[in-house]
Amino acid sequence: MIEWNFQLISRALSMSDSIFAYVDGETAVQNTRGYFGSEFKVPAYAYAVSSIAFTADFPGLGPKCRAAVIIHQLAHFIDARIRDIAGAKGAAYCSLDLASALFNVHCYPNFAINVSPPFLDDRFGMMRPEN
């Protein structure tokens, strides 16, 4: 299932012209209010199965963080069951069994980082936005 999901992510990425969209900060806050609170602005989010929205905050992230955010959002995009289950670090993340990890969106960018040279066990994403 991991390989299948990454194949779906790859296919979705090849359609990026039709699924990636820019939204202003006000729209991002409005669209994500129920999930993130009233004033939190995200660099990107998968609001519906039809698109992934990017905000003006996205280009300011480091290159590895931007890649992690794209993989994270594409995982949400390909399967609504893939959600923010146990975060991206800590005891809950480290103790996930495979069946649960398949549906934790944070595992996707971290898995991609850890199976690529130099095979570091570093976590990327919003925890290390400068990288």
N, C-alpha and C. Protein backbone atom coordinates (compact mmCIF):
# COMPACT_ATOMS: atom_id res chain seq x y z
N MET A 1 0.82 -1.20 0.00
CA MET A 1 0.00 0.00 0.00
C MET A 1 0.86 1.26 0.00
N ILE A 2 2.04 1.22 0.62
CA ILE A 2 2.92 2.39 0.63
C ILE A 2 3.33 2.73 -0.81
N GLU A 3 3.76 1.72 -1.55
CA GLU A 3 4.18 1.96 -2.93
C GLU A 3 3.00 2.48 -3.75
N TRP A 4 1.82 1.89 -3.57
CA TRP A 4 0.63 2.33 -4.29
C TRP A 4 0.32 3.80 -4.00
N ASN A 5 0.40 4.19 -2.73
CA ASN A 5 0.12 5.58 -2.36
C ASN A 5 1.14 6.53 -2.97
N PHE A 6 2.41 6.14 -2.96
CA PHE A 6 3.42 7.01 -3.58
C PHE A 6 3.25 7.07 -5.10
N GLN A 7 2.76 6.01 -5.72
CA GLN A 7 2.44 6.08 -7.15
C GLN A 7 1.30 7.05 -7.41
N LEU A 8 0.28 7.03 -6.54
CA LEU A 8 -0.82 7.98 -6.65
C LEU A 8 -0.32 9.42 -6.45
N ILE A 9 0.57 9.61 -5.48
CA ILE A 9 1.15 10.94 -5.25
C ILE A 9 1.91 11.39 -6.49
N SER A 10 2.69 10.49 -7.07
CA SER A 10 3.47 10.83 -8.27
C SER A 10 2.55 11.22 -9.42
N ARG A 11 1.46 10.48 -9.61
CA ARG A 11 0.51 10.82 -10.67
C ARG A 11 -0.14 12.17 -10.42
N ALA A 12 -0.51 12.43 -9.16
CA ALA A 12 -1.13 13.72 -8.82
C ALA A 12 -0.13 14.85 -9.04
N LEU A 13 1.13 14.62 -8.70
CA LEU A 13 2.16 15.64 -8.90
C LEU A 13 2.33 15.97 -10.38
N SER A 14 2.18 14.97 -11.23
CA SER A 14 2.32 15.22 -12.67
C SER A 14 1.15 16.06 -13.20
N MET A 15 0.09 16.18 -12.43
CA MET A 15 -1.06 17.02 -12.81
C MET A 15 -1.04 18.35 -12.06
N SER A 16 0.13 18.76 -11.58
CA SER A 16 0.21 19.91 -10.69
C SER A 16 -0.36 21.19 -11.30
N ASP A 17 -0.27 21.35 -12.61
CA ASP A 17 -0.84 22.54 -13.24
C ASP A 17 -2.34 22.66 -13.00
N SER A 18 -3.01 21.52 -12.90
CA SER A 18 -4.46 21.58 -12.73
C SER A 18 -4.91 21.46 -11.27
N ILE A 19 -4.06 20.98 -10.37
CA ILE A 19 -4.51 20.81 -8.98
C ILE A 19 -3.88 21.81 -8.01
N PHE A 20 -2.76 22.46 -8.37
CA PHE A 20 -2.14 23.45 -7.49
C PHE A 20 -2.75 24.81 -7.77
N ALA A 21 -3.09 25.54 -6.70
CA ALA A 21 -3.68 26.86 -6.84
C ALA A 21 -3.09 27.79 -5.80
N TYR A 22 -3.07 29.09 -6.08
CA TYR A 22 -2.62 30.09 -5.13
C TYR A 22 -3.85 30.70 -4.46
N VAL A 23 -3.79 30.89 -3.15
CA VAL A 23 -4.84 31.62 -2.43
C VAL A 23 -4.19 32.69 -1.57
N ASP A 24 -4.89 33.79 -1.38
CA ASP A 24 -4.36 34.84 -0.51
C ASP A 24 -4.55 34.42 0.94
N GLY A 25 -3.86 35.12 1.84
CA GLY A 25 -3.89 34.77 3.26
C GLY A 25 -5.28 34.78 3.86
N GLU A 26 -6.10 35.76 3.48
CA GLU A 26 -7.46 35.86 4.02
C GLU A 26 -8.29 34.64 3.63
N THR A 27 -8.16 34.21 2.39
CA THR A 27 -8.89 33.02 1.92
C THR A 27 -8.40 31.78 2.66
N ALA A 28 -7.08 31.67 2.86
CA ALA A 28 -6.52 30.51 3.57
C ALA A 28 -7.06 30.44 4.99
N VAL A 29 -7.07 31.57 5.69
CA VAL A 29 -7.60 31.59 7.07
C VAL A 29 -9.07 31.19 7.06
N GLN A 30 -9.83 31.72 6.12
CA GLN A 30 -11.26 31.40 6.02
C GLN A 30 -11.47 29.91 5.76
N ASN A 31 -10.72 29.35 4.83
CA ASN A 31 -10.91 27.94 4.45
C ASN A 31 -10.45 26.96 5.51
N THR A 32 -9.48 27.34 6.34
CA THR A 32 -8.93 26.40 7.34
C THR A 32 -9.36 26.73 8.76
N ARG A 33 -10.25 27.69 8.92
CA ARG A 33 -10.64 28.15 10.27
C ARG A 33 -11.14 27.02 11.16
N GLY A 34 -11.95 26.14 10.65
CA GLY A 34 -12.50 25.07 11.46
C GLY A 34 -11.45 24.09 11.96
N TYR A 35 -10.34 24.00 11.25
CA TYR A 35 -9.31 23.03 11.63
C TYR A 35 -8.19 23.67 12.44
N PHE A 36 -7.74 24.85 12.03
CA PHE A 36 -6.57 25.46 12.65
C PHE A 36 -6.88 26.61 13.61
N GLY A 37 -8.12 27.04 13.71
CA GLY A 37 -8.44 28.18 14.55
C GLY A 37 -8.67 29.41 13.69
N SER A 38 -8.87 30.54 14.32
CA SER A 38 -9.35 31.71 13.59
C SER A 38 -8.28 32.50 12.87
N GLU A 39 -7.04 32.47 13.31
CA GLU A 39 -6.04 33.36 12.71
C GLU A 39 -4.81 32.65 12.16
N PHE A 40 -4.76 31.34 12.21
CA PHE A 40 -3.58 30.61 11.78
C PHE A 40 -3.57 30.53 10.26
N LYS A 41 -2.48 30.97 9.64
CA LYS A 41 -2.35 30.91 8.19
C LYS A 41 -1.32 29.84 7.84
N VAL A 42 -1.68 28.93 6.98
CA VAL A 42 -0.82 27.81 6.60
C VAL A 42 -0.14 28.10 5.27
N PRO A 43 1.03 27.47 5.00
CA PRO A 43 1.67 27.68 3.71
C PRO A 43 0.98 26.93 2.57
N ALA A 44 0.26 25.85 2.91
CA ALA A 44 -0.45 25.07 1.91
C ALA A 44 -1.48 24.19 2.61
N TYR A 45 -2.53 23.85 1.90
CA TYR A 45 -3.53 22.95 2.46
C TYR A 45 -4.31 22.29 1.33
N ALA A 46 -4.79 21.08 1.61
CA ALA A 46 -5.66 20.37 0.68
C ALA A 46 -7.07 20.57 1.20
N TYR A 47 -7.75 21.57 0.65
CA TYR A 47 -9.08 21.94 1.14
C TYR A 47 -10.16 21.01 0.60
N ALA A 48 -9.98 20.55 -0.59
CA ALA A 48 -10.94 19.65 -1.21
C ALA A 48 -10.16 18.68 -2.08
N VAL A 49 -10.80 17.63 -2.51
CA VAL A 49 -10.13 16.64 -3.33
C VAL A 49 -9.77 17.22 -4.69
N SER A 50 -10.29 18.40 -5.01
CA SER A 50 -10.04 18.95 -6.33
C SER A 50 -8.78 19.80 -6.44
N SER A 51 -8.22 20.28 -5.31
CA SER A 51 -7.04 21.14 -5.43
C SER A 51 -6.23 21.18 -4.14
N ILE A 52 -5.00 21.68 -4.29
CA ILE A 52 -4.13 21.97 -3.15
C ILE A 52 -3.80 23.45 -3.26
N ALA A 53 -4.07 24.19 -2.20
CA ALA A 53 -3.88 25.63 -2.21
C ALA A 53 -2.57 26.00 -1.53
N PHE A 54 -1.84 26.94 -2.13
CA PHE A 54 -0.60 27.46 -1.58
C PHE A 54 -0.78 28.94 -1.27
N THR A 55 -0.15 29.40 -0.18
CA THR A 55 -0.23 30.80 0.21
C THR A 55 1.12 31.49 -0.01
N ALA A 56 1.16 32.77 0.23
CA ALA A 56 2.40 33.54 0.07
C ALA A 56 3.47 33.09 1.06
N ASP A 57 3.12 32.36 2.11
CA ASP A 57 4.10 31.87 3.08
C ASP A 57 4.92 30.70 2.55
N PHE A 58 4.41 29.99 1.55
CA PHE A 58 5.08 28.78 1.06
C PHE A 58 6.48 29.05 0.50
N PRO A 59 6.69 30.06 -0.37
CA PRO A 59 8.03 30.27 -0.94
C PRO A 59 9.11 30.60 0.09
N GLY A 60 8.73 31.07 1.26
CA GLY A 60 9.70 31.42 2.29
C GLY A 60 10.24 30.23 3.07
N LEU A 61 9.68 29.06 2.87
CA LEU A 61 10.17 27.86 3.55
C LEU A 61 11.45 27.38 2.89
N GLY A 62 12.25 26.60 3.63
CA GLY A 62 13.45 26.01 3.07
C GLY A 62 13.10 24.94 2.04
N PRO A 63 14.06 24.52 1.21
CA PRO A 63 13.75 23.58 0.12
C PRO A 63 13.25 22.22 0.59
N LYS A 64 13.83 21.67 1.65
CA LYS A 64 13.37 20.37 2.14
C LYS A 64 11.99 20.49 2.77
N CYS A 65 11.75 21.61 3.44
CA CYS A 65 10.44 21.83 4.04
C CYS A 65 9.38 21.98 2.96
N ARG A 66 9.69 22.71 1.88
CA ARG A 66 8.72 22.85 0.78
C ARG A 66 8.39 21.48 0.19
N ALA A 67 9.42 20.64 0.00
CA ALA A 67 9.18 19.29 -0.54
C ALA A 67 8.30 18.49 0.42
N ALA A 68 8.59 18.60 1.72
CA ALA A 68 7.80 17.87 2.72
C ALA A 68 6.35 18.34 2.73
N VAL A 69 6.13 19.65 2.62
CA VAL A 69 4.77 20.19 2.60
C VAL A 69 4.02 19.69 1.37
N ILE A 70 4.69 19.65 0.22
CA ILE A 70 4.03 19.16 -1.00
C ILE A 70 3.65 17.68 -0.84
N ILE A 71 4.57 16.86 -0.34
CA ILE A 71 4.27 15.44 -0.15
C ILE A 71 3.13 15.28 0.86
N HIS A 72 3.18 16.05 1.95
CA HIS A 72 2.13 16.01 2.98
C HIS A 72 0.77 16.32 2.37
N GLN A 73 0.69 17.40 1.61
CA GLN A 73 -0.60 17.80 1.03
C GLN A 73 -1.06 16.82 -0.04
N LEU A 74 -0.13 16.28 -0.82
CA LEU A 74 -0.51 15.29 -1.83
C LEU A 74 -1.03 14.01 -1.17
N ALA A 75 -0.49 13.65 -0.01
CA ALA A 75 -1.02 12.48 0.70
C ALA A 75 -2.47 12.72 1.12
N HIS A 76 -2.76 13.93 1.65
CA HIS A 76 -4.16 14.27 1.94
C HIS A 76 -5.01 14.20 0.68
N PHE A 77 -4.46 14.69 -0.42
CA PHE A 77 -5.18 14.79 -1.69
C PHE A 77 -5.59 13.43 -2.24
N ILE A 78 -4.70 12.44 -2.14
CA ILE A 78 -4.98 11.15 -2.79
C ILE A 78 -5.95 10.28 -2.01
N ASP A 79 -6.08 10.52 -0.69
CA ASP A 79 -6.93 9.64 0.12
C ASP A 79 -7.40 10.41 1.35
N ALA A 80 -8.70 10.63 1.47
CA ALA A 80 -9.25 11.38 2.60
C ALA A 80 -9.03 10.68 3.93
N ARG A 81 -8.69 9.39 3.90
CA ARG A 81 -8.42 8.68 5.16
C ARG A 81 -7.05 9.03 5.73
N ILE A 82 -6.15 9.57 4.90
CA ILE A 82 -4.81 9.94 5.36
C ILE A 82 -4.93 11.30 6.03
N ARG A 83 -4.80 11.29 7.36
CA ARG A 83 -5.07 12.48 8.16
C ARG A 83 -3.90 12.75 9.10
N ASP A 84 -3.99 13.86 9.81
CA ASP A 84 -2.99 14.21 10.83
C ASP A 84 -3.33 13.42 12.09
N ILE A 85 -2.77 12.22 12.21
CA ILE A 85 -3.17 11.30 13.29
C ILE A 85 -2.32 11.48 14.55
N ALA A 86 -1.01 11.34 14.42
CA ALA A 86 -0.16 11.30 15.61
C ALA A 86 0.98 12.31 15.54
N GLY A 87 0.85 13.31 14.72
CA GLY A 87 1.92 14.28 14.59
C GLY A 87 3.09 13.71 13.82
N ALA A 88 4.23 14.44 13.89
CA ALA A 88 5.41 14.05 13.11
C ALA A 88 6.58 13.68 14.00
N LYS A 89 6.40 13.73 15.29
CA LYS A 89 7.48 13.34 16.21
C LYS A 89 6.88 13.02 17.57
N GLY A 90 7.74 12.52 18.44
CA GLY A 90 7.30 12.20 19.79
C GLY A 90 6.89 10.75 19.94
N ALA A 91 6.48 10.40 21.17
CA ALA A 91 6.17 9.01 21.50
C ALA A 91 5.04 8.45 20.66
N ALA A 92 3.97 9.23 20.46
CA ALA A 92 2.83 8.73 19.68
C ALA A 92 3.25 8.42 18.25
N TYR A 93 4.09 9.29 17.66
CA TYR A 93 4.58 9.06 16.30
C TYR A 93 5.47 7.83 16.25
N CYS A 94 6.42 7.74 17.17
CA CYS A 94 7.40 6.65 17.16
C CYS A 94 6.77 5.28 17.44
N SER A 95 5.63 5.26 18.12
CA SER A 95 5.03 3.97 18.46
C SER A 95 3.93 3.55 17.48
N LEU A 96 3.76 4.28 16.38
CA LEU A 96 2.75 3.90 15.40
C LEU A 96 3.07 2.54 14.78
N ASP A 97 2.08 1.68 14.70
CA ASP A 97 2.26 0.44 13.94
C ASP A 97 2.06 0.76 12.47
N LEU A 98 2.43 -0.15 11.58
CA LEU A 98 2.40 0.11 10.15
C LEU A 98 0.99 0.46 9.67
N ALA A 99 -0.02 -0.26 10.16
CA ALA A 99 -1.39 0.01 9.71
C ALA A 99 -1.82 1.43 10.05
N SER A 100 -1.41 1.93 11.20
CA SER A 100 -1.75 3.31 11.58
C SER A 100 -0.89 4.31 10.82
N ALA A 101 0.40 4.00 10.64
CA ALA A 101 1.31 4.91 9.95
C ALA A 101 0.86 5.15 8.51
N LEU A 102 0.24 4.17 7.89
CA LEU A 102 -0.26 4.33 6.52
C LEU A 102 -1.28 5.45 6.41
N PHE A 103 -1.94 5.77 7.52
CA PHE A 103 -2.97 6.81 7.50
C PHE A 103 -2.56 8.06 8.27
N ASN A 104 -1.29 8.14 8.68
CA ASN A 104 -0.76 9.35 9.32
C ASN A 104 0.00 10.14 8.26
N VAL A 105 -0.54 11.30 7.89
CA VAL A 105 0.03 12.09 6.79
C VAL A 105 1.48 12.50 7.06
N HIS A 106 1.86 12.63 8.31
CA HIS A 106 3.23 13.04 8.64
C HIS A 106 4.25 11.96 8.29
N CYS A 107 3.82 10.72 8.19
CA CYS A 107 4.76 9.64 7.86
C CYS A 107 5.24 9.73 6.40
N TYR A 108 4.46 10.32 5.53
CA TYR A 108 4.80 10.31 4.11
C TYR A 108 6.05 11.14 3.79
N PRO A 109 6.15 12.41 4.20
CA PRO A 109 7.40 13.14 3.92
C PRO A 109 8.56 12.58 4.71
N ASN A 110 8.33 12.13 5.94
CA ASN A 110 9.42 11.57 6.74
C ASN A 110 9.93 10.27 6.13
N PHE A 111 9.03 9.44 5.63
CA PHE A 111 9.44 8.20 4.96
C PHE A 111 10.27 8.53 3.73
N ALA A 112 9.82 9.51 2.94
CA ALA A 112 10.55 9.89 1.73
C ALA A 112 11.96 10.38 2.05
N ILE A 113 12.10 11.14 3.13
CA ILE A 113 13.42 11.63 3.55
C ILE A 113 14.30 10.46 3.98
N ASN A 114 13.73 9.52 4.74
CA ASN A 114 14.52 8.45 5.34
C ASN A 114 14.91 7.34 4.38
N VAL A 115 14.25 7.24 3.23
CA VAL A 115 14.63 6.20 2.27
C VAL A 115 15.47 6.76 1.13
N SER A 116 15.86 8.03 1.25
CA SER A 116 16.69 8.67 0.23
C SER A 116 18.06 8.97 0.80
N PRO A 117 19.10 8.85 0.00
CA PRO A 117 20.43 9.20 0.50
C PRO A 117 20.43 10.64 1.00
N PRO A 118 21.07 10.94 2.09
CA PRO A 118 22.02 10.14 2.87
C PRO A 118 21.38 9.32 3.98
N PHE A 119 20.09 8.98 3.88
CA PHE A 119 19.40 8.10 4.83
C PHE A 119 19.45 8.63 6.26
N LEU A 120 19.19 9.91 6.43
CA LEU A 120 19.18 10.52 7.75
C LEU A 120 17.82 10.33 8.40
N ASP A 121 17.82 10.23 9.70
CA ASP A 121 16.57 10.12 10.44
C ASP A 121 16.15 11.51 10.93
N ASP A 122 16.14 12.47 10.02
CA ASP A 122 15.73 13.83 10.37
C ASP A 122 14.28 14.03 9.97
N ARG A 123 13.56 14.79 10.78
CA ARG A 123 12.17 15.10 10.48
C ARG A 123 12.10 16.47 9.83
N PHE A 124 11.43 16.55 8.72
CA PHE A 124 11.25 17.83 8.05
C PHE A 124 9.77 18.17 8.05
N GLY A 125 9.45 19.30 7.52
CA GLY A 125 8.09 19.78 7.56
C GLY A 125 8.05 21.09 8.32
N MET A 126 6.96 21.42 8.95
CA MET A 126 6.82 22.70 9.60
C MET A 126 7.63 22.80 10.90
N MET A 127 8.17 21.69 11.37
CA MET A 127 9.00 21.75 12.58
C MET A 127 10.37 22.35 12.27
N ARG A 128 10.82 22.29 11.02
CA ARG A 128 12.11 22.81 10.62
C ARG A 128 11.92 23.63 9.34
N PRO A 129 11.18 24.74 9.43
CA PRO A 129 10.81 25.47 8.20
C PRO A 129 11.99 26.10 7.47
N GLU A 130 13.12 26.29 8.15
CA GLU A 130 14.27 26.93 7.49
C GLU A 130 15.04 25.95 6.62
N ASN A 131 14.85 24.66 6.80
CA ASN A 131 15.60 23.65 6.03
C ASN A 131 14.92 23.32 4.72
